[in-house]
Amino acid sequence: MNMFDKYQRTTESVKDNISEENRKLTRQLAESRQSFELLKFVHFDKTINLEMLNDIIVGCTGCLYSFMYYLDRTITNLDSDHPIYKLISMNKERLLNHETLFVDYDLIANHTVVVYPVSVSQMISSEFLIHNIILVYPSKFVTDEALEFVKNFMIVNDVLINIVLMREKMYELIETDPLTTLLNRSSWNSNLESIVSSGDPFFIIFIDIDNFKVLNDTYGHQKGDEVLKIAGTWLKNAFRDDDKVYRLGGDEFAVTGKVNVHTIEGLFYKFETLTKKYSHTIKMFLGIDSKISIGALITEKPKDIETIYTRVDALLYESKKKGRDQVHIVSDF
């Protein structure tokens, strides 16, 4: 090989290397711009929650499935009866016990499982942390370059998760009653507007603990707080998961929920038995007598919030006027 050929080959090699570096730099720049836009999007769109963030992870990383575990929830884009979901669930403890990037090529045939540790702000309580994200890829698409991209994206994703978790924590502090962990009056105002404007049939119940001041004076404020906490827990257990339970203040509670027009008779029965069930619960847990008065409205007619509030409050007042430990229900059906 003469000198010219050597020179030409060296030149071509250098050119290829420079082209490859330029390609990498161009890709990194594009990824940086996309990451910045994504951060802006998640930060300013207050509706982005963990479920939506999981969808973003799937779209950005190119994985088939993504799993996050938050409190008692499994956040994933995969149905719970899918074989891969079951395999991941069975091996969850082993997969989540990694503090660095972990890749499993053997757990699922023809698939690769990538486990990435999440760094979450110390401002978020330990019970609200997401420790790892599990990504599932077809094995044929998992290359060193793909894994490098996942590493880079997950640095951005740490920031995204922190944004969403901090927002959820903030909403919890703003909208939750600290004593009972029920929704508070601030949340009541916004949710009531939503349920009234939806156009769907719904119910609203007001619940008031009878003679609560006497109970406080007799047994002390600590016992009074215990009554409120047990009442809150009892109410959450007495209603469906998608019903909203509130402590409006003091000894006043409320519940809202959607109504199935074919089960209104059962709803009447449920409301009418609440007073006895409450008294039995307090007696069983605290050994004291306590009763409640209830006003309930079942309606499908759209009304302004003030009218709705006034109607239910009048029903509660009627229960108290008739001697307390009563339930007054009105249905517009």
C-alpha atoms as a PDB file:
ATOM      1  CA  MET A   1       0.000   0.000   0.000  1.00  0.00           C
ATOM      2  CA  ASN A   2       1.482   3.340  -1.039  1.00  0.00           C
ATOM      3  CA  MET A   3       1.533   6.488   1.055  1.00  0.00           C
ATOM      4  CA  PHE A   4      -1.453   7.999  -0.730  1.00  0.00           C
ATOM      5  CA  ASP A   5      -3.635   4.966   0.013  1.00  0.00           C
ATOM      6  CA  LYS A   6      -2.590   5.034   3.654  1.00  0.00           C
ATOM      7  CA  TYR A   7      -3.348   8.728   3.855  1.00  0.00           C
ATOM      8  CA  GLN A   8      -6.725   8.263   2.201  1.00  0.00           C
ATOM      9  CA  ARG A   9      -7.650   5.365   4.525  1.00  0.00           C
ATOM     10  CA  THR A  10      -6.582   7.373   7.589  1.00  0.00           C
ATOM     11  CA  THR A  11      -8.552  10.351   6.361  1.00  0.00           C
ATOM     12  CA  GLU A  12     -11.671   8.221   5.830  1.00  0.00           C
ATOM     13  CA  SER A  13     -11.307   6.715   9.303  1.00  0.00           C
ATOM     14  CA  VAL A  14     -10.945  10.117  10.914  1.00  0.00           C
ATOM     15  CA  LYS A  15     -13.905  11.373   8.917  1.00  0.00           C
ATOM     16  CA  ASP A  16     -16.050   8.428  10.044  1.00  0.00           C
ATOM     17  CA  ASN A  17     -15.050   9.011  13.667  1.00  0.00           C
ATOM     18  CA  ILE A  18     -15.885  12.696  13.436  1.00  0.00           C
ATOM     19  CA  SER A  19     -19.218  11.883  11.764  1.00  0.00           C
ATOM     20  CA  GLU A  20     -20.038   9.423  14.539  1.00  0.00           C
ATOM     21  CA  GLU A  21     -19.133  11.979  17.213  1.00  0.00           C
ATOM     22  CA  ASN A  22     -21.219  14.611  15.448  1.00  0.00           C
ATOM     23  CA  ARG A  23     -24.138  12.166  15.285  1.00  0.00           C
ATOM     24  CA  LYS A  24     -23.846  11.489  19.012  1.00  0.00           C
ATOM     25  CA  LEU A  25     -23.585  15.188  19.831  1.00  0.00           C
ATOM     26  CA  THR A  26     -26.576  15.988  17.622  1.00  0.00           C
ATOM     27  CA  ARG A  27     -28.599  13.235  19.275  1.00  0.00           C
ATOM     28  CA  GLN A  28     -27.577  14.376  22.764  1.00  0.00           C
ATOM     29  CA  LEU A  29     -28.512  17.953  21.927  1.00  0.00           C
ATOM     30  CA  ALA A  30     -31.900  16.815  20.630  1.00  0.00           C
ATOM     31  CA  GLU A  31     -32.412  14.700  23.753  1.00  0.00           C
ATOM     32  CA  SER A  32     -31.477  17.664  25.956  1.00  0.00           C
ATOM     33  CA  ARG A  33     -33.986  19.890  24.189  1.00  0.00           C
ATOM     34  CA  GLN A  34     -36.674  17.221  24.435  1.00  0.00           C
ATOM     35  CA  SER A  35     -35.891  16.710  28.124  1.00  0.00           C
ATOM     36  CA  PHE A  36     -36.203  20.435  28.781  1.00  0.00           C
ATOM     37  CA  GLU A  37     -39.563  20.575  26.996  1.00  0.00           C
ATOM     38  CA  LEU A  38     -40.736  17.514  28.913  1.00  0.00           C
ATOM     39  CA  LEU A  39     -39.745  19.053  32.250  1.00  0.00           C
ATOM     40  CA  LYS A  40     -41.640  22.234  31.383  1.00  0.00           C
ATOM     41  CA  PHE A  41     -44.682  20.222  30.326  1.00  0.00           C
ATOM     42  CA  VAL A  42     -44.863  18.163  33.536  1.00  0.00           C
ATOM     43  CA  HIS A  43     -44.092  21.143  35.762  1.00  0.00           C
ATOM     44  CA  PHE A  44     -46.769  23.435  34.339  1.00  0.00           C
ATOM     45  CA  ASP A  45     -49.489  20.856  33.627  1.00  0.00           C
ATOM     46  CA  LYS A  46     -50.988  20.303  37.081  1.00  0.00           C
ATOM     47  CA  THR A  47     -53.089  17.367  35.843  1.00  0.00           C
ATOM     48  CA  ILE A  48     -50.030  15.155  35.290  1.00  0.00           C
ATOM     49  CA  ASN A  49     -50.158  12.345  37.862  1.00  0.00           C
ATOM     50  CA  LEU A  50     -48.138   9.151  38.330  1.00  0.00           C
ATOM     51  CA  GLU A  51     -50.317   7.166  35.922  1.00  0.00           C
ATOM     52  CA  MET A  52     -49.773   9.745  33.172  1.00  0.00           C
ATOM     53  CA  LEU A  53     -46.076   9.928  34.027  1.00  0.00           C
ATOM     54  CA  ASN A  54     -45.839   6.163  33.605  1.00  0.00           C
ATOM     55  CA  ASP A  55     -47.265   6.540  30.087  1.00  0.00           C
ATOM     56  CA  ILE A  56     -44.636   9.215  29.396  1.00  0.00           C
ATOM     57  CA  ILE A  57     -41.897   6.822  30.546  1.00  0.00           C
ATOM     58  CA  VAL A  58     -43.159   4.127  28.164  1.00  0.00           C
ATOM     59  CA  GLY A  59     -43.286   6.581  25.270  1.00  0.00           C
ATOM     60  CA  CYS A  60     -39.860   8.107  25.911  1.00  0.00           C
ATOM     61  CA  THR A  61     -37.877   4.945  26.705  1.00  0.00           C
ATOM     62  CA  GLY A  62     -39.456   2.733  24.052  1.00  0.00           C
ATOM     63  CA  CYS A  63     -40.140  -0.066  26.546  1.00  0.00           C
ATOM     64  CA  LEU A  64     -43.150  -2.349  26.273  1.00  0.00           C
ATOM     65  CA  TYR A  65     -44.197  -2.063  29.910  1.00  0.00           C
ATOM     66  CA  SER A  66     -43.290   0.071  32.892  1.00  0.00           C
ATOM     67  CA  PHE A  67     -43.971  -0.535  36.587  1.00  0.00           C
ATOM     68  CA  MET A  68     -43.903   1.846  39.550  1.00  0.00           C
ATOM     69  CA  TYR A  69     -44.937   0.927  43.089  1.00  0.00           C
ATOM     70  CA  TYR A  70     -46.392   3.769  45.150  1.00  0.00           C
ATOM     71  CA  LEU A  71     -47.998   3.166  48.541  1.00  0.00           C
ATOM     72  CA  ASP A  72     -50.311   0.203  47.888  1.00  0.00           C
ATOM     73  CA  ARG A  73     -50.688   0.958  44.178  1.00  0.00           C
ATOM     74  CA  THR A  74     -49.076  -0.753  41.204  1.00  0.00           C
ATOM     75  CA  ILE A  75     -48.803   1.845  38.458  1.00  0.00           C
ATOM     76  CA  THR A  76     -48.343   0.176  35.090  1.00  0.00           C
ATOM     77  CA  ASN A  77     -49.660   0.079  31.536  1.00  0.00           C
ATOM     78  CA  LEU A  78     -50.173  -3.686  31.787  1.00  0.00           C
ATOM     79  CA  ASP A  79     -53.356  -5.535  32.809  1.00  0.00           C
ATOM     80  CA  SER A  80     -53.117  -7.412  36.090  1.00  0.00           C
ATOM     81  CA  ASP A  81     -54.103 -10.723  34.451  1.00  0.00           C
ATOM     82  CA  HIS A  82     -51.223 -10.576  31.951  1.00  0.00           C
ATOM     83  CA  PRO A  83     -48.537 -13.279  32.495  1.00  0.00           C
ATOM     84  CA  ILE A  84     -45.743 -10.684  32.535  1.00  0.00           C
ATOM     85  CA  TYR A  85     -47.581  -8.669  35.202  1.00  0.00           C
ATOM     86  CA  LYS A  86     -47.840 -11.793  37.336  1.00  0.00           C
ATOM     87  CA  LEU A  87     -44.148 -12.651  36.846  1.00  0.00           C
ATOM     88  CA  ILE A  88     -43.042  -9.149  37.806  1.00  0.00           C
ATOM     89  CA  SER A  89     -45.334  -9.197  40.857  1.00  0.00           C
ATOM     90  CA  MET A  90     -44.003 -12.576  42.001  1.00  0.00           C
ATOM     91  CA  ASN A  91     -40.415 -11.294  41.750  1.00  0.00           C
ATOM     92  CA  LYS A  92     -41.095  -7.733  42.906  1.00  0.00           C
ATOM     93  CA  GLU A  93     -39.098  -7.903  46.131  1.00  0.00           C
ATOM     94  CA  ARG A  94     -36.018  -9.262  44.356  1.00  0.00           C
ATOM     95  CA  LEU A  95     -36.255  -6.755  41.502  1.00  0.00           C
ATOM     96  CA  LEU A  96     -36.741  -3.737  43.756  1.00  0.00           C
ATOM     97  CA  ASN A  97     -33.772  -4.536  45.969  1.00  0.00           C
ATOM     98  CA  HIS A  98     -31.199  -2.730  43.805  1.00  0.00           C
ATOM     99  CA  GLU A  99     -29.483   0.599  44.392  1.00  0.00           C
ATOM    100  CA  THR A 100     -27.823   0.712  40.945  1.00  0.00           C
ATOM    101  CA  LEU A 101     -29.030  -0.067  37.428  1.00  0.00           C
ATOM    102  CA  PHE A 102     -29.874  -3.763  37.189  1.00  0.00           C
ATOM    103  CA  VAL A 103     -30.573  -5.772  34.034  1.00  0.00           C
ATOM    104  CA  ASP A 104     -32.208  -9.226  34.113  1.00  0.00           C
ATOM    105  CA  TYR A 105     -32.053 -11.213  30.871  1.00  0.00           C
ATOM    106  CA  ASP A 106     -33.541 -14.449  32.239  1.00  0.00           C
ATOM    107  CA  LEU A 107     -36.722 -13.660  34.165  1.00  0.00           C
ATOM    108  CA  ILE A 108     -39.021 -13.417  31.121  1.00  0.00           C
ATOM    109  CA  ALA A 109     -38.396 -15.391  27.936  1.00  0.00           C
ATOM    110  CA  ASN A 110     -37.400 -13.168  24.981  1.00  0.00           C
ATOM    111  CA  HIS A 111     -37.618 -10.085  27.202  1.00  0.00           C
ATOM    112  CA  THR A 112     -35.158  -8.032  29.219  1.00  0.00           C
ATOM    113  CA  VAL A 113     -36.079  -6.419  32.522  1.00  0.00           C
ATOM    114  CA  VAL A 114     -34.317  -3.163  33.376  1.00  0.00           C
ATOM    115  CA  VAL A 115     -34.579  -1.908  36.966  1.00  0.00           C
ATOM    116  CA  TYR A 116     -33.646   1.697  37.627  1.00  0.00           C
ATOM    117  CA  PRO A 117     -33.304   3.184  41.142  1.00  0.00           C
ATOM    118  CA  VAL A 118     -35.101   6.488  41.714  1.00  0.00           C
ATOM    119  CA  SER A 119     -33.632   9.362  43.706  1.00  0.00           C
ATOM    120  CA  VAL A 120     -36.449  11.150  45.506  1.00  0.00           C
ATOM    121  CA  SER A 121     -36.245  14.374  47.492  1.00  0.00           C
ATOM    122  CA  GLN A 122     -35.817  14.055  51.271  1.00  0.00           C
ATOM    123  CA  MET A 123     -38.726  16.493  51.588  1.00  0.00           C
ATOM    124  CA  ILE A 124     -41.019  13.591  50.673  1.00  0.00           C
ATOM    125  CA  SER A 125     -41.849  11.203  53.533  1.00  0.00           C
ATOM    126  CA  SER A 126     -40.370   7.723  53.232  1.00  0.00           C
ATOM    127  CA  GLU A 127     -43.784   6.055  52.900  1.00  0.00           C
ATOM    128  CA  PHE A 128     -44.503   8.127  49.788  1.00  0.00           C
ATOM    129  CA  LEU A 129     -41.312   7.197  47.940  1.00  0.00           C
ATOM    130  CA  ILE A 130     -40.962   5.372  44.654  1.00  0.00           C
ATOM    131  CA  HIS A 131     -37.713   3.429  44.995  1.00  0.00           C
ATOM    132  CA  ASN A 132     -37.399   1.803  41.569  1.00  0.00           C
ATOM    133  CA  ILE A 133     -38.862   1.779  38.085  1.00  0.00           C
ATOM    134  CA  ILE A 134     -39.092  -1.542  36.246  1.00  0.00           C
ATOM    135  CA  LEU A 135     -38.963  -1.453  32.445  1.00  0.00           C
ATOM    136  CA  VAL A 136     -39.626  -4.475  30.216  1.00  0.00           C
ATOM    137  CA  TYR A 137     -38.166  -4.606  26.683  1.00  0.00           C
ATOM    138  CA  PRO A 138     -38.073  -7.160  23.875  1.00  0.00           C
ATOM    139  CA  SER A 139     -34.550  -8.591  24.256  1.00  0.00           C
ATOM    140  CA  LYS A 140     -33.647  -8.002  20.611  1.00  0.00           C
ATOM    141  CA  PHE A 141     -33.912  -4.233  21.113  1.00  0.00           C
ATOM    142  CA  VAL A 142     -31.707  -4.042  24.211  1.00  0.00           C
ATOM    143  CA  THR A 143     -28.252  -2.813  23.163  1.00  0.00           C
ATOM    144  CA  ASP A 144     -25.514  -0.953  25.016  1.00  0.00           C
ATOM    145  CA  GLU A 145     -26.633   2.218  23.278  1.00  0.00           C
ATOM    146  CA  ALA A 146     -30.261   1.647  24.326  1.00  0.00           C
ATOM    147  CA  LEU A 147     -29.216   1.085  27.946  1.00  0.00           C
ATOM    148  CA  GLU A 148     -27.112   4.237  27.865  1.00  0.00           C
ATOM    149  CA  PHE A 149     -30.140   6.166  26.644  1.00  0.00           C
ATOM    150  CA  VAL A 150     -32.262   4.714  29.477  1.00  0.00           C
ATOM    151  CA  LYS A 151     -29.620   5.820  32.001  1.00  0.00           C
ATOM    152  CA  ASN A 152     -29.636   9.354  30.616  1.00  0.00           C
ATOM    153  CA  PHE A 153     -33.421   9.579  30.456  1.00  0.00           C
ATOM    154  CA  MET A 154     -33.867   8.262  33.982  1.00  0.00           C
ATOM    155  CA  ILE A 155     -31.821  11.168  35.316  1.00  0.00           C
ATOM    156  CA  VAL A 156     -34.488  13.413  33.820  1.00  0.00           C
ATOM    157  CA  ASN A 157     -37.184  11.067  35.056  1.00  0.00           C
ATOM    158  CA  ASP A 158     -35.951  11.474  38.640  1.00  0.00           C
ATOM    159  CA  VAL A 159     -36.791  15.162  38.333  1.00  0.00           C
ATOM    160  CA  LEU A 160     -40.198  14.379  36.794  1.00  0.00           C
ATOM    161  CA  ILE A 161     -41.104  11.972  39.594  1.00  0.00           C
ATOM    162  CA  ASN A 162     -40.037  14.509  42.212  1.00  0.00           C
ATOM    163  CA  ILE A 163     -42.242  17.145  40.590  1.00  0.00           C
ATOM    164  CA  VAL A 164     -45.295  14.854  40.584  1.00  0.00           C
ATOM    165  CA  LEU A 165     -44.728  13.450  44.094  1.00  0.00           C
ATOM    166  CA  MET A 166     -44.152  16.903  45.587  1.00  0.00           C
ATOM    167  CA  ARG A 167     -47.342  18.099  43.899  1.00  0.00           C
ATOM    168  CA  GLU A 168     -49.317  15.122  45.262  1.00  0.00           C
ATOM    169  CA  LYS A 169     -47.873  15.766  48.727  1.00  0.00           C
ATOM    170  CA  MET A 170     -48.761  19.444  48.460  1.00  0.00           C
ATOM    171  CA  TYR A 171     -52.338  18.629  47.419  1.00  0.00           C
ATOM    172  CA  GLU A 172     -52.571  16.174  50.305  1.00  0.00           C
ATOM    173  CA  LEU A 173     -51.505  18.868  52.775  1.00  0.00           C
ATOM    174  CA  ILE A 174     -53.886  21.407  51.257  1.00  0.00           C
ATOM    175  CA  GLU A 175     -56.914  19.139  50.825  1.00  0.00           C
ATOM    176  CA  THR A 176     -56.657  16.672  53.738  1.00  0.00           C
ATOM    177  CA  ASP A 177     -57.833  17.071  57.310  1.00  0.00           C
ATOM    178  CA  PRO A 178     -54.786  16.214  59.465  1.00  0.00           C
ATOM    179  CA  LEU A 179     -56.750  14.614  62.318  1.00  0.00           C
ATOM    180  CA  THR A 180     -58.976  12.216  60.370  1.00  0.00           C
ATOM    181  CA  THR A 181     -57.034  12.093  57.020  1.00  0.00           C
ATOM    182  CA  LEU A 182     -60.376  12.750  55.310  1.00  0.00           C
ATOM    183  CA  LEU A 183     -60.771  15.394  52.623  1.00  0.00           C
ATOM    184  CA  ASN A 184     -61.274  18.866  54.106  1.00  0.00           C
ATOM    185  CA  ARG A 185     -63.540  21.818  53.367  1.00  0.00           C
ATOM    186  CA  SER A 186     -61.167  23.221  50.755  1.00  0.00           C
ATOM    187  CA  SER A 187     -61.435  19.965  48.816  1.00  0.00           C
ATOM    188  CA  TRP A 188     -65.199  19.899  49.393  1.00  0.00           C
ATOM    189  CA  ASN A 189     -65.698  23.206  47.611  1.00  0.00           C
ATOM    190  CA  SER A 190     -63.869  22.139  44.446  1.00  0.00           C
ATOM    191  CA  ASN A 191     -65.224  18.574  44.328  1.00  0.00           C
ATOM    192  CA  LEU A 192     -68.814  19.627  44.954  1.00  0.00           C
ATOM    193  CA  GLU A 193     -68.676  21.962  41.969  1.00  0.00           C
ATOM    194  CA  SER A 194     -67.329  19.104  39.855  1.00  0.00           C
ATOM    195  CA  ILE A 195     -70.002  16.579  40.853  1.00  0.00           C
ATOM    196  CA  VAL A 196     -72.885  19.052  40.489  1.00  0.00           C
ATOM    197  CA  SER A 197     -71.748  20.180  37.028  1.00  0.00           C
ATOM    198  CA  SER A 198     -71.166  16.625  35.754  1.00  0.00           C
ATOM    199  CA  GLY A 199     -74.840  16.089  34.953  1.00  0.00           C
ATOM    200  CA  ASP A 200     -74.793  12.596  36.500  1.00  0.00           C
ATOM    201  CA  PRO A 201     -77.161  11.534  39.313  1.00  0.00           C
ATOM    202  CA  PHE A 202     -75.475  11.944  42.697  1.00  0.00           C
ATOM    203  CA  PHE A 203     -76.033  11.947  46.447  1.00  0.00           C
ATOM    204  CA  ILE A 204     -74.864  14.300  49.181  1.00  0.00           C
ATOM    205  CA  ILE A 205     -74.991  13.474  52.896  1.00  0.00           C
ATOM    206  CA  PHE A 206     -74.354  15.758  55.852  1.00  0.00           C
ATOM    207  CA  ILE A 207     -73.488  14.009  59.138  1.00  0.00           C
ATOM    208  CA  ASP A 208     -73.274  15.728  62.499  1.00  0.00           C
ATOM    209  CA  ILE A 209     -72.182  14.101  65.769  1.00  0.00           C
ATOM    210  CA  ASP A 210     -74.920  14.776  68.298  1.00  0.00           C
ATOM    211  CA  ASN A 211     -74.028  16.720  71.452  1.00  0.00           C
ATOM    212  CA  PHE A 212     -70.322  16.626  70.633  1.00  0.00           C
ATOM    213  CA  LYS A 213     -69.584  19.524  72.997  1.00  0.00           C
ATOM    214  CA  VAL A 214     -71.140  17.562  75.864  1.00  0.00           C
ATOM    215  CA  LEU A 215     -69.024  14.544  74.892  1.00  0.00           C
ATOM    216  CA  ASN A 216     -65.883  16.715  74.941  1.00  0.00           C
ATOM    217  CA  ASP A 217     -66.794  18.226  78.307  1.00  0.00           C
ATOM    218  CA  THR A 218     -67.556  14.801  79.790  1.00  0.00           C
ATOM    219  CA  TYR A 219     -64.652  12.723  78.499  1.00  0.00           C
ATOM    220  CA  GLY A 220     -62.065  15.375  77.514  1.00  0.00           C
ATOM    221  CA  HIS A 221     -60.779  16.646  74.194  1.00  0.00           C
ATOM    222  CA  GLN A 222     -58.452  13.687  73.662  1.00  0.00           C
ATOM    223  CA  LYS A 223     -61.414  11.306  73.745  1.00  0.00           C
ATOM    224  CA  GLY A 224     -63.287  13.701  71.479  1.00  0.00           C
ATOM    225  CA  ASP A 225     -60.442  13.524  68.949  1.00  0.00           C
ATOM    226  CA  GLU A 226     -60.561   9.725  69.116  1.00  0.00           C
ATOM    227  CA  VAL A 227     -64.284   9.839  68.332  1.00  0.00           C
ATOM    228  CA  LEU A 228     -63.613  12.048  65.313  1.00  0.00           C
ATOM    229  CA  LYS A 229     -60.826   9.756  64.033  1.00  0.00           C
ATOM    230  CA  ILE A 230     -62.902   6.600  64.437  1.00  0.00           C
ATOM    231  CA  ALA A 231     -65.888   8.324  62.809  1.00  0.00           C
ATOM    232  CA  GLY A 232     -63.695   9.246  59.838  1.00  0.00           C
ATOM    233  CA  THR A 233     -62.345   5.714  59.437  1.00  0.00           C
ATOM    234  CA  TRP A 234     -65.820   4.234  59.826  1.00  0.00           C
ATOM    235  CA  LEU A 235     -67.232   6.543  57.148  1.00  0.00           C
ATOM    236  CA  LYS A 236     -64.457   5.660  54.667  1.00  0.00           C
ATOM    237  CA  ASN A 237     -65.131   1.964  55.215  1.00  0.00           C
ATOM    238  CA  ALA A 238     -68.905   2.412  54.983  1.00  0.00           C
ATOM    239  CA  PHE A 239     -68.785   3.901  51.487  1.00  0.00           C
ATOM    240  CA  ARG A 240     -67.295   2.950  48.128  1.00  0.00           C
ATOM    241  CA  ASP A 241     -63.717   3.733  47.157  1.00  0.00           C
ATOM    242  CA  ASP A 242     -64.793   6.314  44.587  1.00  0.00           C
ATOM    243  CA  ASP A 243     -67.151   8.130  46.978  1.00  0.00           C
ATOM    244  CA  LYS A 244     -65.684  11.241  48.615  1.00  0.00           C
ATOM    245  CA  VAL A 245     -65.700  11.550  52.410  1.00  0.00           C
ATOM    246  CA  TYR A 246     -65.035  14.928  54.061  1.00  0.00           C
ATOM    247  CA  ARG A 247     -64.613  16.478  57.458  1.00  0.00           C
ATOM    248  CA  LEU A 248     -66.076  19.935  56.970  1.00  0.00           C
ATOM    249  CA  GLY A 249     -64.958  21.141  60.386  1.00  0.00           C
ATOM    250  CA  GLY A 250     -65.587  20.396  64.057  1.00  0.00           C
ATOM    251  CA  ASP A 251     -67.951  17.419  64.271  1.00  0.00           C
ATOM    252  CA  GLU A 252     -69.414  17.922  60.773  1.00  0.00           C
ATOM    253  CA  PHE A 253     -68.848  15.373  58.008  1.00  0.00           C
ATOM    254  CA  ALA A 254     -70.090  14.976  54.443  1.00  0.00           C
ATOM    255  CA  VAL A 255     -70.104  12.293  51.758  1.00  0.00           C
ATOM    256  CA  THR A 256     -70.714  12.645  48.016  1.00  0.00           C
ATOM    257  CA  GLY A 257     -70.960  10.020  45.310  1.00  0.00           C
ATOM    258  CA  LYS A 258     -72.524   9.052  42.019  1.00  0.00           C
ATOM    259  CA  VAL A 259     -75.855   7.219  41.983  1.00  0.00           C
ATOM    260  CA  ASN A 260     -77.023   4.227  39.973  1.00  0.00           C
ATOM    261  CA  VAL A 261     -80.705   4.939  39.345  1.00  0.00           C
ATOM    262  CA  HIS A 262     -81.484   1.215  39.545  1.00  0.00           C
ATOM    263  CA  THR A 263     -80.164   0.870  43.105  1.00  0.00           C
ATOM    264  CA  ILE A 264     -81.775   3.870  44.826  1.00  0.00           C
ATOM    265  CA  GLU A 265     -83.850   1.628  47.114  1.00  0.00           C
ATOM    266  CA  GLY A 266     -80.650   0.032  48.400  1.00  0.00           C
ATOM    267  CA  LEU A 267     -79.151   3.477  48.878  1.00  0.00           C
ATOM    268  CA  PHE A 268     -82.105   4.500  51.067  1.00  0.00           C
ATOM    269  CA  TYR A 269     -81.598   1.430  53.212  1.00  0.00           C
ATOM    270  CA  LYS A 270     -77.855   2.129  53.504  1.00  0.00           C
ATOM    271  CA  PHE A 271     -78.437   5.710  54.654  1.00  0.00           C
ATOM    272  CA  GLU A 272     -81.171   4.712  57.108  1.00  0.00           C
ATOM    273  CA  THR A 273     -78.900   2.195  58.864  1.00  0.00           C
ATOM    274  CA  LEU A 274     -75.914   4.519  59.267  1.00  0.00           C
ATOM    275  CA  THR A 275     -76.964   5.910  62.666  1.00  0.00           C
ATOM    276  CA  LYS A 276     -77.173   2.490  64.341  1.00  0.00           C
ATOM    277  CA  LYS A 277     -73.917   1.324  62.749  1.00  0.00           C
ATOM    278  CA  TYR A 278     -72.085   4.450  63.897  1.00  0.00           C
ATOM    279  CA  SER A 279     -73.305   4.114  67.513  1.00  0.00           C
ATOM    280  CA  HIS A 280     -72.306   0.443  67.547  1.00  0.00           C
ATOM    281  CA  THR A 281     -68.817   1.258  66.191  1.00  0.00           C
ATOM    282  CA  ILE A 282     -68.093   3.973  68.772  1.00  0.00           C
ATOM    283  CA  LYS A 283     -69.395   1.791  71.587  1.00  0.00           C
ATOM    284  CA  MET A 284     -67.236  -1.132  70.441  1.00  0.00           C
ATOM    285  CA  PHE A 285     -63.990   0.839  70.092  1.00  0.00           C
ATOM    286  CA  LEU A 286     -64.296   3.479  72.837  1.00  0.00           C
ATOM    287  CA  GLY A 287     -66.939   2.133  75.195  1.00  0.00           C
ATOM    288  CA  ILE A 288     -68.969   5.343  75.154  1.00  0.00           C
ATOM    289  CA  ASP A 289     -72.361   6.368  73.759  1.00  0.00           C
ATOM    290  CA  SER A 290     -72.357   8.650  70.725  1.00  0.00           C
ATOM    291  CA  LYS A 291     -74.994   9.251  68.076  1.00  0.00           C
ATOM    292  CA  ILE A 292     -75.243  11.099  64.758  1.00  0.00           C
ATOM    293  CA  SER A 293     -77.861  13.026  62.813  1.00  0.00           C
ATOM    294  CA  ILE A 294     -77.988  12.800  59.017  1.00  0.00           C
ATOM    295  CA  GLY A 295     -79.469  14.772  56.126  1.00  0.00           C
ATOM    296  CA  ALA A 296     -79.244  13.197  52.662  1.00  0.00           C
ATOM    297  CA  LEU A 297     -80.209  14.293  49.164  1.00  0.00           C
ATOM    298  CA  ILE A 298     -80.366  12.031  46.087  1.00  0.00           C
ATOM    299  CA  THR A 299     -80.801  14.021  42.896  1.00  0.00           C
ATOM    300  CA  GLU A 300     -80.178  14.152  39.185  1.00  0.00           C
ATOM    301  CA  LYS A 301     -81.394  17.687  38.594  1.00  0.00           C
ATOM    302  CA  PRO A 302     -78.594  20.197  37.952  1.00  0.00           C
ATOM    303  CA  LYS A 303     -78.666  22.992  40.501  1.00  0.00           C
ATOM    304  CA  ASP A 304     -76.351  25.666  41.721  1.00  0.00           C
ATOM    305  CA  ILE A 305     -74.118  24.696  44.630  1.00  0.00           C
ATOM    306  CA  GLU A 306     -75.726  27.087  47.105  1.00  0.00           C
ATOM    307  CA  THR A 307     -79.183  25.579  46.512  1.00  0.00           C
ATOM    308  CA  ILE A 308     -77.833  22.044  46.925  1.00  0.00           C
ATOM    309  CA  TYR A 309     -76.011  22.983  50.137  1.00  0.00           C
ATOM    310  CA  THR A 310     -79.098  24.688  51.579  1.00  0.00           C
ATOM    311  CA  ARG A 311     -81.334  21.677  50.838  1.00  0.00           C
ATOM    312  CA  VAL A 312     -79.043  19.132  52.487  1.00  0.00           C
ATOM    313  CA  ASP A 313     -78.362  21.413  55.446  1.00  0.00           C
ATOM    314  CA  ALA A 314     -82.140  21.805  55.955  1.00  0.00           C
ATOM    315  CA  LEU A 315     -82.519  18.009  56.002  1.00  0.00           C
ATOM    316  CA  LEU A 316     -79.780  17.734  58.639  1.00  0.00           C
ATOM    317  CA  TYR A 317     -81.471  20.452  60.701  1.00  0.00           C
ATOM    318  CA  GLU A 318     -84.757  18.521  60.460  1.00  0.00           C
ATOM    319  CA  SER A 319     -83.034  15.439  61.918  1.00  0.00           C
ATOM    320  CA  LYS A 320     -81.718  17.472  64.837  1.00  0.00           C
ATOM    321  CA  LYS A 321     -85.032  19.241  65.400  1.00  0.00           C
ATOM    322  CA  LYS A 322     -86.877  15.906  65.573  1.00  0.00           C
ATOM    323  CA  GLY A 323     -84.690  14.742  68.465  1.00  0.00           C
ATOM    324  CA  ARG A 324     -81.335  13.826  66.888  1.00  0.00           C
ATOM    325  CA  ASP A 325     -80.153  10.273  66.082  1.00  0.00           C
ATOM    326  CA  GLN A 326     -82.320  10.618  62.944  1.00  0.00           C
ATOM    327  CA  VAL A 327     -81.969  10.325  59.168  1.00  0.00           C
ATOM    328  CA  HIS A 328     -83.885  12.546  56.753  1.00  0.00           C
ATOM    329  CA  ILE A 329     -83.614  11.684  53.069  1.00  0.00           C
ATOM    330  CA  VAL A 330     -85.095  13.361  49.997  1.00  0.00           C
ATOM    331  CA  SER A 331     -84.904  11.921  46.483  1.00  0.00           C
ATOM    332  CA  ASP A 332     -85.694  13.844  43.305  1.00  0.00           C
ATOM    333  CA  PHE A 333     -86.268  10.633  41.356  1.00  0.00           C
END
